[in-house]
């Protein structure tokens, strides 16, 4: 997992980097066992693993979106619509 993402998830979940890395490995194993038809080198595999990891860390994607919107300037917000 890319180091910047590990750091981001660790900060957001108040977990250590090593905890996040262990959970990343666990998430990969979960996806491998539950989604046998998804190839490990595919974008879909990465999305699934990231989703499982976020769930394990208690990171809510909708909250991430809201946090991002709060920090946008009004003009930037309108442009994104």
Protein backbone atom coordinates (compact mmCIF):
# COMPACT_ATOMS: atom_id res chain seq x y z
CA UNK A 1 0.00 0.00 0.00
CA UNK A 2 1.37 3.43 -0.86
CA UNK A 3 2.98 5.12 2.15
CA UNK A 4 1.01 8.36 1.81
CA UNK A 5 -2.27 6.44 1.98
CA UNK A 6 -1.07 4.45 5.00
CA UNK A 7 -0.19 7.68 6.79
CA UNK A 8 -3.51 9.26 5.85
CA UNK A 9 -5.54 6.27 7.05
CA UNK A 10 -3.46 6.01 10.23
CA UNK A 11 -4.08 9.66 11.03
CA UNK A 12 -7.77 9.50 10.19
CA UNK A 13 -8.36 6.36 12.25
CA UNK A 14 -5.99 7.19 15.12
CA UNK A 15 -4.11 3.92 14.50
CA UNK A 16 -0.40 3.38 14.10
CA UNK A 17 1.11 2.93 10.66
CA UNK A 18 2.02 -0.67 11.53
CA UNK A 19 -1.60 -1.37 12.57
CA UNK A 20 -2.88 -0.01 9.26
CA UNK A 21 -0.34 -2.09 7.33
CA UNK A 22 -1.40 -5.26 9.20
CA UNK A 23 -5.04 -4.51 8.49
CA UNK A 24 -4.15 -3.89 4.83
CA UNK A 25 -2.68 -7.40 4.65
CA UNK A 26 -5.74 -8.82 6.40
CA UNK A 27 -8.01 -6.93 3.99
CA UNK A 28 -6.16 -8.41 1.02
CA UNK A 29 -6.69 -11.92 2.41
CA UNK A 30 -10.39 -11.24 2.95
CA UNK A 31 -10.83 -10.02 -0.63
CA UNK A 32 -8.86 -12.98 -2.02
CA UNK A 33 -11.13 -15.43 -0.18
CA UNK A 34 -14.42 -13.63 -0.84
CA UNK A 35 -13.84 -12.47 -4.43
CA UNK A 36 -12.01 -15.37 -6.06
CA UNK A 37 -12.87 -14.13 -9.55
CA UNK A 38 -11.16 -10.73 -9.05
CA UNK A 39 -7.53 -10.69 -10.10
CA UNK A 40 -5.06 -9.36 -7.56
CA UNK A 41 -3.44 -7.02 -10.07
CA UNK A 42 -6.73 -5.39 -11.07
CA UNK A 43 -8.08 -1.97 -10.10
CA UNK A 44 -11.22 -3.66 -8.77
CA UNK A 45 -9.11 -5.72 -6.32
CA UNK A 46 -7.44 -2.56 -5.02
CA UNK A 47 -10.81 -0.83 -4.60
CA UNK A 48 -12.23 -3.80 -2.71
CA UNK A 49 -9.21 -4.07 -0.41
CA UNK A 50 -9.32 -0.33 0.28
CA UNK A 51 -13.03 -0.56 1.06
CA UNK A 52 -12.52 -3.48 3.46
CA UNK A 53 -9.65 -1.63 5.12
CA UNK A 54 -11.72 1.53 5.56
CA UNK A 55 -14.49 -0.52 7.11
CA UNK A 56 -12.03 -2.15 9.54
CA UNK A 57 -10.61 1.25 10.45
CA UNK A 58 -14.04 2.83 10.85
CA UNK A 59 -13.38 5.38 8.13
CA UNK A 60 -16.63 6.60 6.63
CA UNK A 61 -16.31 7.63 2.98
CA UNK A 62 -19.30 9.93 3.12
CA UNK A 63 -17.68 11.75 6.05
CA UNK A 64 -14.52 12.17 3.95
CA UNK A 65 -16.58 13.81 1.22
CA UNK A 66 -18.28 16.12 3.71
CA UNK A 67 -14.93 17.09 5.23
CA UNK A 68 -13.60 17.92 1.78
CA UNK A 69 -16.65 20.02 0.95
CA UNK A 70 -16.34 22.00 4.17
CA UNK A 71 -12.86 23.09 3.13
CA UNK A 72 -13.83 24.14 -0.39
CA UNK A 73 -14.39 27.73 -1.30
CA UNK A 74 -17.88 28.41 -2.54
CA UNK A 75 -16.68 29.00 -6.13
CA UNK A 76 -14.78 25.69 -6.10
CA UNK A 77 -17.88 23.94 -4.81
CA UNK A 78 -20.04 25.37 -7.61
CA UNK A 79 -17.44 24.36 -10.20
CA UNK A 80 -17.51 20.77 -8.93
CA UNK A 81 -21.27 20.57 -9.48
